[in-house]
Amino acid sequence: MRGGEPRRVSRREGIRARLRPVHGGLPVVAAAAFLTCPAAAATRQLETPRLSRIALARVPISDSVLSSGATRRLAAAASWGGTYTAPTGEQVSITVSDSYAQDPAIPQRWANFLGSLVHGSEISTVRVYLAPLGEVQTFCGQDALACYNSVSRQLVVPGDAPSSELSAEAVVTHEYGHHVANSRSDAPWTAIDYGTKRWASYEQVCAKARAGQLFPGAETDSRYRLNPGEGFAESYRVLNERKAGIPESPWNVVSRALYPDSTALSLIEQDVTSPWTGNTQSSLSAALTRTAGTRTFRVATPLDGRFSLSVRAAKGERVALALYTATGTPVGSTVVTGTAARAVTTTTCGSRTYSVKLSLKKGSGRARVTVSKA
C-alpha cells in the first residue's frame, strides 16, 4: 500500500483472473459439444463450480496474478491440441486439457467460434487453453472463471458451461475482448486498462479517470465495477451478442455507467477492424504583418491522446504561439525566432477543440505550424 490506498496490480504483471457474473451467452456452438460429447463425459466428471460470488456481483471481484509456479504448471499440464483453421482462414492456437477426451472436433468448434467474433489479425496471436472450471481455478485463482496474460497472450478459459446459468461462450468472448484491447494501441495509455482508442475517447475514460469516476487497472477492490478495461470487455461481448442476433446477457460485471450505446458499439467495431495506429499530422500557416499581426485557428481533437504543435517562423521573424482549451484556459506557449522549430505538447484528455493563437513579435512573414494529434 501507498498513501493508504490498495495496491493496483497492472495487467502487465501477469495473468489476470476475474470472476464473470454473465448469464446466458452466445449461441451454443462449442460448449454444447463438451456437454453432449459422450467421450468427454466418460473421461471426467464435472466438478461442482464454486459460484458463491457470481450470482449478483455485489461484492468486490477478486483478481490474481499467475505465479511463476502456476506458469510452469500450465506449461507442463497434460494437454493436447494444436493450430486450427477458422472459417475465415486464420490460424488459432488451441490447447485442450487431458480432462477432455481427445476429439479434434472440440478445438475446431472453438476455432470456428472465435472466428465468428468481430476480430482482426490478433486472432492468430492468441493462445487458448481449455479446461474444466476446477482446473481453470488452479491456474487463475479459486474465485475466477477465466484469466488472460497480456505478455504471453494466453487465455485460460472453461471448455464448457461453468453452471446452468453461465455459458462458456460468454466467458470466452469477454476474455477475448481483453486480448483485442491488449492488441491495440491507445497511446499514451495501455488499451487493456483504458480500452481502445475511439471507444475510450467517446466514453471520456481519461477525463473520468482524472476525476476519480473511473479506475483503469482496478482489479482487487470495489473499484473493479468502475474499471474501464472491464467495461470494454463487457461492451465487446454485447457487440458480438447483438451481431449474432441473440438475447443479450445481463450487465452485471461493471457499473451501468459503462453500458454501451449504439455509438460506443460502432466505435468498438471500428477499433477492432480498423485500429488506430498512431498520430496524424496536418499543417496550418498564416502570413503575419504589422497590420495583421495575430491569427487564431481552431483545431478539432476527436480522440484523446498526445497532442503537439511545432511552429516555424520566416527568416528574421519572431512569432509567439499560445494554445488554449475551448473555454480559454491556457495550455502552453512558446516563442520562435526564424526557421528553428519550437513545440508545445500536451495530452488531450476530454477536450474536443483547442485554439491556437499566433502573434507576431518581430519582422513579418509566413509562420507555419505542424499539428500532430491522435
Protein backbone atom coordinates (compact mmCIF):
# COMPACT_ATOMS: atom_id res chain seq x y z
CA MET A 1 0.00 0.00 0.00
CA ARG A 2 0.99 3.59 -0.62
CA GLY A 3 -0.85 6.54 0.86
CA GLY A 4 -3.31 4.17 2.49
CA GLU A 5 -4.79 3.07 -0.84
CA PRO A 6 -4.99 -0.55 -2.08
CA ARG A 7 -2.19 -1.57 -4.39
CA ARG A 8 -3.28 -1.51 -8.03
CA VAL A 9 -1.95 -4.54 -9.84
CA SER A 10 -1.28 -3.96 -13.50
CA ARG A 11 -2.32 -6.49 -16.13
CA ARG A 12 1.26 -6.32 -17.36
CA GLU A 13 2.41 -8.18 -14.26
CA GLY A 14 0.92 -11.43 -15.46
CA ILE A 15 -2.28 -13.36 -15.87
CA ARG A 16 -5.26 -11.53 -14.51
CA ALA A 17 -8.04 -13.73 -13.16
CA ARG A 18 -11.55 -12.42 -12.93
CA LEU A 19 -14.97 -13.59 -11.91
CA ARG A 20 -17.60 -13.35 -14.60
CA PRO A 21 -21.20 -12.88 -13.47
CA VAL A 22 -22.51 -13.31 -17.00
CA HIS A 23 -25.71 -15.22 -17.62
CA GLY A 24 -26.80 -16.72 -20.91
CA GLY A 25 -24.26 -16.12 -23.65
CA LEU A 26 -23.61 -16.71 -27.30
CA PRO A 27 -25.26 -19.49 -29.31
CA VAL A 28 -24.30 -22.98 -28.18
CA VAL A 29 -21.53 -23.54 -30.69
CA ALA A 30 -18.71 -25.09 -28.72
CA ALA A 31 -19.71 -25.55 -25.10
CA ALA A 32 -22.64 -27.76 -26.03
CA ALA A 33 -20.25 -30.10 -27.76
CA PHE A 34 -18.45 -30.60 -24.45
CA LEU A 35 -21.67 -31.10 -22.56
CA THR A 36 -23.10 -33.60 -25.00
CA CYS A 37 -19.96 -35.44 -26.06
CA PRO A 38 -20.21 -38.98 -24.57
CA ALA A 39 -16.47 -39.48 -24.73
CA ALA A 40 -15.82 -36.27 -22.81
CA ALA A 41 -18.44 -37.18 -20.23
CA ALA A 42 -16.84 -40.57 -19.78
CA THR A 43 -13.39 -39.08 -19.36
CA ARG A 44 -14.18 -36.89 -16.40
CA GLN A 45 -16.93 -35.94 -14.02
CA LEU A 46 -17.75 -32.24 -13.87
CA GLU A 47 -16.82 -30.65 -10.58
CA THR A 48 -19.34 -28.56 -8.68
CA PRO A 49 -18.49 -24.97 -9.68
CA ARG A 50 -17.60 -22.58 -6.89
CA LEU A 51 -20.07 -19.85 -7.79
CA SER A 52 -20.78 -18.28 -4.41
CA ARG A 53 -19.57 -14.90 -5.67
CA ILE A 54 -21.24 -14.97 -9.07
CA ALA A 55 -24.94 -14.52 -8.51
CA LEU A 56 -25.35 -10.76 -8.29
CA ALA A 57 -21.79 -9.41 -8.38
CA ARG A 58 -22.46 -7.26 -5.32
CA VAL A 59 -19.07 -7.86 -3.73
CA PRO A 60 -15.56 -6.88 -4.86
CA ILE A 61 -14.31 -9.24 -7.54
CA SER A 62 -11.05 -10.95 -6.74
CA ASP A 63 -8.21 -11.00 -9.23
CA SER A 64 -4.86 -12.71 -9.03
CA VAL A 65 -1.52 -12.72 -10.79
CA LEU A 66 -0.38 -16.07 -12.10
CA SER A 67 2.69 -17.03 -10.07
CA SER A 68 5.83 -18.38 -11.67
CA GLY A 69 4.98 -21.79 -10.23
CA ALA A 70 1.49 -21.69 -11.76
CA THR A 71 3.00 -20.63 -15.08
CA ARG A 72 5.25 -23.65 -15.03
CA ARG A 73 2.34 -25.90 -14.13
CA LEU A 74 0.35 -24.55 -17.07
CA ALA A 75 3.23 -25.22 -19.45
CA ALA A 76 3.61 -28.72 -18.05
CA ALA A 77 -0.11 -29.54 -17.85
CA ALA A 78 -1.21 -32.71 -19.62
CA SER A 79 -2.95 -31.48 -22.75
CA TRP A 80 -3.47 -31.89 -26.45
CA GLY A 81 -4.37 -29.67 -29.38
CA GLY A 82 -2.50 -27.52 -31.85
CA THR A 83 -3.22 -24.95 -34.53
CA TYR A 84 -6.66 -24.90 -36.12
CA THR A 85 -8.01 -23.01 -39.10
CA ALA A 86 -11.06 -20.83 -38.55
CA PRO A 87 -13.63 -20.46 -41.36
CA THR A 88 -12.05 -17.06 -42.05
CA GLY A 89 -8.82 -18.85 -42.98
CA GLU A 90 -6.92 -17.64 -39.93
CA GLN A 91 -4.87 -19.90 -37.69
CA VAL A 92 -5.80 -20.22 -34.00
CA SER A 93 -3.71 -21.91 -31.31
CA ILE A 94 -5.90 -24.03 -29.03
CA THR A 95 -4.73 -26.43 -26.33
CA VAL A 96 -7.17 -28.69 -24.50
CA SER A 97 -6.75 -30.24 -21.07
CA ASP A 98 -6.40 -34.02 -20.92
CA SER A 99 -9.51 -33.89 -18.75
CA TYR A 100 -11.38 -33.90 -22.06
CA ALA A 101 -11.27 -36.88 -24.43
CA GLN A 102 -9.16 -36.22 -27.48
CA ASP A 103 -11.51 -35.22 -30.26
CA PRO A 104 -10.24 -32.73 -32.87
CA ALA A 105 -13.81 -31.54 -33.40
CA ILE A 106 -13.72 -29.86 -29.97
CA PRO A 107 -10.90 -27.34 -30.57
CA GLN A 108 -12.08 -26.91 -34.14
CA ARG A 109 -15.50 -25.81 -32.92
CA TRP A 110 -13.83 -23.27 -30.63
CA ALA A 111 -11.66 -22.03 -33.51
CA ASN A 112 -14.86 -21.59 -35.51
CA PHE A 113 -16.43 -19.72 -32.61
CA LEU A 114 -13.50 -17.33 -32.23
CA GLY A 115 -13.56 -16.75 -35.96
CA SER A 116 -17.22 -15.75 -35.68
CA LEU A 117 -16.40 -12.90 -33.28
CA VAL A 118 -15.58 -9.41 -34.50
CA HIS A 119 -11.82 -9.65 -34.77
CA GLY A 120 -8.68 -8.67 -36.62
CA SER A 121 -5.23 -10.16 -37.07
CA GLU A 122 -4.91 -10.60 -33.28
CA ILE A 123 -6.82 -13.88 -33.60
CA SER A 124 -3.61 -15.52 -34.80
CA THR A 125 -1.65 -14.36 -31.74
CA VAL A 126 -3.99 -15.61 -29.00
CA ARG A 127 -3.23 -18.87 -27.18
CA VAL A 128 -6.26 -20.62 -25.77
CA TYR A 129 -6.16 -23.23 -23.01
CA LEU A 130 -9.48 -25.02 -22.41
CA ALA A 131 -10.11 -26.87 -19.17
CA PRO A 132 -12.90 -27.73 -16.71
CA LEU A 133 -13.66 -24.94 -14.25
CA GLY A 134 -11.91 -26.68 -11.37
CA GLU A 135 -8.69 -26.86 -13.35
CA VAL A 136 -9.06 -23.29 -14.60
CA GLN A 137 -9.20 -22.17 -10.99
CA THR A 138 -5.96 -23.96 -10.14
CA PHE A 139 -4.26 -21.56 -12.53
CA CYS A 140 -6.44 -18.44 -12.27
CA GLY A 141 -7.49 -18.48 -8.63
CA GLN A 142 -10.26 -20.18 -6.67
CA ASP A 143 -12.86 -17.47 -7.38
CA ALA A 144 -12.03 -16.99 -11.05
CA LEU A 145 -13.79 -18.25 -14.13
CA ALA A 146 -11.02 -17.36 -16.59
CA CYS A 147 -7.82 -15.36 -16.92
CA TYR A 148 -5.61 -13.70 -19.51
CA ASN A 149 -1.90 -13.00 -19.67
CA SER A 150 -1.11 -9.82 -21.58
CA VAL A 151 2.52 -10.82 -22.18
CA SER A 152 2.07 -14.39 -23.43
CA ARG A 153 -1.43 -13.59 -24.82
CA GLN A 154 -2.68 -16.72 -23.10
CA LEU A 155 -6.37 -17.27 -22.38
CA VAL A 156 -7.20 -19.84 -19.71
CA VAL A 157 -10.93 -20.49 -20.04
CA PRO A 158 -13.58 -23.09 -19.23
CA GLY A 159 -14.23 -25.54 -22.03
CA ASP A 160 -17.86 -25.98 -21.01
CA ALA A 161 -20.53 -24.04 -19.17
CA PRO A 162 -19.48 -23.35 -15.56
CA SER A 163 -23.14 -23.52 -14.50
CA SER A 164 -26.65 -23.82 -15.90
CA GLU A 165 -26.88 -20.02 -15.88
CA LEU A 166 -23.49 -19.27 -17.39
CA SER A 167 -22.26 -20.11 -20.88
CA ALA A 168 -18.65 -20.75 -21.70
CA GLU A 169 -19.10 -18.64 -24.85
CA ALA A 170 -19.96 -15.53 -22.83
CA VAL A 171 -16.88 -16.01 -20.64
CA VAL A 172 -14.61 -16.62 -23.63
CA THR A 173 -16.00 -13.61 -25.51
CA HIS A 174 -15.33 -11.33 -22.54
CA GLU A 175 -11.78 -12.67 -22.17
CA TYR A 176 -11.15 -12.35 -25.89
CA GLY A 177 -12.19 -8.70 -25.52
CA HIS A 178 -9.18 -8.25 -23.25
CA HIS A 179 -7.00 -9.85 -25.92
CA VAL A 180 -8.41 -7.44 -28.51
CA ALA A 181 -7.64 -4.45 -26.29
CA ASN A 182 -4.17 -5.79 -25.49
CA SER A 183 -3.51 -5.99 -29.24
CA ARG A 184 -4.46 -2.34 -29.86
CA SER A 185 -2.79 1.00 -29.11
CA ASP A 186 -4.34 3.72 -27.01
CA ALA A 187 -1.08 5.61 -26.52
CA PRO A 188 -0.08 7.14 -24.17
CA TRP A 189 -2.29 4.76 -22.14
CA THR A 190 -2.46 0.98 -22.23
CA ALA A 191 -5.59 -0.16 -24.06
CA ILE A 192 -6.04 -3.23 -21.87
CA ASP A 193 -6.61 -0.87 -18.91
CA TYR A 194 -8.28 2.08 -20.66
CA GLY A 195 -9.98 0.44 -23.64
CA THR A 196 -9.34 1.00 -27.33
CA LYS A 197 -8.73 4.50 -28.73
CA ARG A 198 -12.09 5.50 -30.23
CA TRP A 199 -14.20 3.79 -27.56
CA ALA A 200 -12.14 5.22 -24.70
CA SER A 201 -12.29 8.73 -26.18
CA TYR A 202 -16.05 8.54 -26.63
CA GLU A 203 -16.53 7.23 -23.09
CA GLN A 204 -14.27 10.01 -21.73
CA VAL A 205 -12.14 7.44 -19.90
CA CYS A 206 -9.16 9.77 -19.40
CA ALA A 207 -11.21 12.68 -18.06
CA LYS A 208 -13.31 10.43 -15.81
CA ALA A 209 -10.19 8.69 -14.51
CA ARG A 210 -8.69 12.07 -13.61
CA ALA A 211 -11.92 12.99 -11.87
CA GLY A 212 -11.95 9.76 -9.86
CA GLN A 213 -15.04 8.44 -11.62
CA LEU A 214 -13.29 5.53 -13.38
CA PHE A 215 -10.36 3.43 -12.22
CA PRO A 216 -8.24 1.89 -15.00
CA GLY A 217 -6.48 -1.26 -13.86
CA ALA A 218 -8.52 -1.66 -10.65
CA GLU A 219 -8.75 -5.42 -10.19
CA THR A 220 -8.65 -6.16 -6.49
CA ASP A 221 -11.17 -3.90 -4.75
CA SER A 222 -14.65 -2.39 -5.03
CA ARG A 223 -13.47 -0.03 -7.78
CA TYR A 224 -13.47 -3.02 -10.15
CA ARG A 225 -17.02 -2.13 -11.18
CA LEU A 226 -15.67 1.20 -12.49
CA ASN A 227 -12.73 -0.36 -14.33
CA PRO A 228 -12.93 0.79 -17.99
CA GLY A 229 -10.85 -2.20 -19.12
CA GLU A 230 -13.58 -4.48 -17.83
CA GLY A 231 -16.22 -2.16 -19.28
CA PHE A 232 -14.60 -2.50 -22.69
CA ALA A 233 -14.50 -6.31 -22.48
CA GLU A 234 -18.17 -6.42 -21.47
CA SER A 235 -19.10 -3.99 -24.27
CA TYR A 236 -17.22 -6.21 -26.70
CA ARG A 237 -19.35 -9.12 -25.50
CA VAL A 238 -22.53 -7.08 -26.06
CA LEU A 239 -21.36 -6.14 -29.57
CA ASN A 240 -20.92 -9.78 -30.53
CA GLU A 241 -24.21 -10.87 -28.99
CA ARG A 242 -26.09 -8.21 -30.91
CA LYS A 243 -24.35 -9.03 -34.17
CA ALA A 244 -25.22 -12.69 -33.60
CA GLY A 245 -28.85 -11.68 -33.06
CA ILE A 246 -29.18 -13.47 -29.73
CA PRO A 247 -30.54 -12.34 -26.34
CA GLU A 248 -28.08 -10.11 -24.53
CA SER A 249 -26.58 -11.36 -21.30
CA PRO A 250 -27.39 -9.23 -18.23
CA TRP A 251 -24.99 -6.39 -17.49
CA ASN A 252 -23.75 -7.47 -14.05
CA VAL A 253 -19.96 -7.26 -14.16
CA VAL A 254 -19.36 -3.50 -14.14
CA SER A 255 -21.29 -0.30 -13.48
CA ARG A 256 -24.27 0.55 -15.64
CA ALA A 257 -22.48 3.83 -16.36
CA LEU A 258 -20.24 1.86 -18.73
CA TYR A 259 -23.11 0.19 -20.60
CA PRO A 260 -22.58 0.87 -24.33
CA ASP A 261 -24.97 2.78 -26.56
CA SER A 262 -25.07 2.20 -30.32
CA THR A 263 -22.28 4.72 -30.94
CA ALA A 264 -19.98 3.02 -28.43
CA LEU A 265 -20.58 -0.36 -30.06
CA SER A 266 -19.90 1.09 -33.51
CA LEU A 267 -16.63 2.60 -32.30
CA ILE A 268 -15.54 -0.71 -30.76
CA GLU A 269 -16.13 -2.41 -34.08
CA GLN A 270 -14.05 0.26 -35.82
CA ASP A 271 -11.31 -0.16 -33.23
CA VAL A 272 -11.26 -3.91 -33.89
CA THR A 273 -11.45 -3.94 -37.67
CA SER A 274 -9.62 -0.67 -38.43
CA PRO A 275 -7.49 0.05 -35.36
CA TRP A 276 -5.87 3.37 -34.56
CA THR A 277 -2.12 3.02 -35.03
CA GLY A 278 -0.65 6.47 -34.44
CA ASN A 279 -0.98 10.23 -34.68
CA THR A 280 -1.87 12.03 -37.88
CA GLN A 281 -0.24 15.27 -38.97
CA SER A 282 -1.62 18.36 -40.63
CA SER A 283 -0.39 21.90 -41.28
CA LEU A 284 -1.50 25.43 -40.51
CA SER A 285 0.04 28.62 -41.85
CA ALA A 286 -0.55 32.34 -41.57
CA ALA A 287 1.03 35.42 -43.15
CA LEU A 288 1.72 37.82 -40.27
CA THR A 289 2.36 41.54 -40.81
CA ARG A 290 2.39 44.67 -38.68
CA THR A 291 -1.23 45.36 -39.68
CA ALA A 292 -2.34 41.75 -39.30
CA GLY A 293 -0.15 40.52 -36.52
CA THR A 294 -2.35 37.84 -34.99
CA ARG A 295 -4.17 34.77 -36.26
CA THR A 296 -6.27 32.24 -34.35
CA PHE A 297 -7.09 28.71 -35.50
CA ARG A 298 -9.43 26.12 -34.03
CA VAL A 299 -8.22 22.53 -34.07
CA ALA A 300 -10.64 19.64 -33.54
CA THR A 301 -9.36 16.78 -31.37
CA PRO A 302 -11.98 14.00 -31.56
CA LEU A 303 -9.63 11.46 -29.92
CA ASP A 304 -7.78 11.56 -26.62
CA GLY A 305 -4.03 11.16 -26.78
CA ARG A 306 -0.83 13.05 -27.39
CA PHE A 307 -1.21 16.49 -29.00
CA SER A 308 1.70 18.55 -30.30
CA LEU A 309 2.23 21.81 -32.21
CA SER A 310 5.56 22.59 -33.85
CA VAL A 311 5.93 26.19 -35.09
CA ARG A 312 8.46 27.74 -37.51
CA ALA A 313 8.71 31.40 -38.44
CA ALA A 314 10.11 33.06 -41.54
CA LYS A 315 13.71 34.26 -41.65
CA GLY A 316 14.07 37.32 -39.44
CA GLU A 317 10.59 36.84 -38.00
CA ARG A 318 9.74 36.25 -34.34
CA VAL A 319 6.39 34.60 -33.54
CA ALA A 320 4.65 33.55 -30.34
CA LEU A 321 2.36 30.54 -30.24
CA ALA A 322 -0.21 30.03 -27.48
CA LEU A 323 -2.50 27.04 -27.02
CA TYR A 324 -5.87 27.29 -25.23
CA THR A 325 -8.73 24.96 -24.41
CA ALA A 326 -12.17 25.65 -25.88
CA THR A 327 -13.03 27.54 -22.68
CA GLY A 328 -9.96 29.76 -22.93
CA THR A 329 -7.74 28.06 -20.36
CA PRO A 330 -4.05 28.41 -21.29
CA VAL A 331 -2.37 25.08 -22.04
CA GLY A 332 1.08 26.09 -23.21
CA SER A 333 3.06 28.65 -25.18
CA THR A 334 6.38 29.20 -26.90
CA VAL A 335 8.23 31.82 -28.95
CA VAL A 336 10.20 31.00 -32.08
CA THR A 337 12.69 33.14 -33.95
CA GLY A 338 13.44 32.39 -37.57
CA THR A 339 13.30 28.93 -39.07
CA ALA A 340 14.23 26.99 -35.93
CA ALA A 341 11.26 24.95 -34.71
CA ARG A 342 9.75 25.11 -31.23
CA ALA A 343 7.00 22.85 -29.93
CA VAL A 344 4.13 22.87 -27.47
CA THR A 345 2.86 19.48 -26.36
CA THR A 346 0.02 18.30 -24.14
CA THR A 347 -2.27 15.32 -23.65
CA THR A 348 -5.78 15.60 -25.00
CA CYS A 349 -7.98 14.34 -22.16
CA GLY A 350 -11.61 15.10 -22.86
CA SER A 351 -11.03 18.34 -24.80
CA ARG A 352 -12.51 18.17 -28.27
CA THR A 353 -11.33 21.58 -29.52
CA TYR A 354 -8.25 23.72 -28.97
CA SER A 355 -7.50 27.30 -30.03
CA VAL A 356 -4.08 28.07 -31.49
CA LYS A 357 -3.05 31.73 -31.48
CA LEU A 358 -0.10 33.06 -33.47
CA SER A 359 1.20 36.53 -32.60
CA LEU A 360 3.86 38.50 -34.48
CA LYS A 361 6.61 39.86 -32.23
CA LYS A 362 9.14 40.99 -34.81
CA GLY A 363 9.53 41.25 -38.56
CA SER A 364 6.95 39.74 -40.91
CA GLY A 365 6.40 36.65 -42.98
CA ARG A 366 4.57 33.36 -43.03
CA ALA A 367 4.55 31.24 -39.87
CA ARG A 368 3.89 27.52 -40.22
CA VAL A 369 2.56 25.10 -37.64
CA THR A 370 2.67 21.30 -37.83
CA VAL A 371 -0.16 19.70 -35.86
CA SER A 372 0.21 16.14 -34.54
CA LYS A 373 -2.89 14.61 -32.92
CA ALA A 374 -4.44 11.26 -32.14
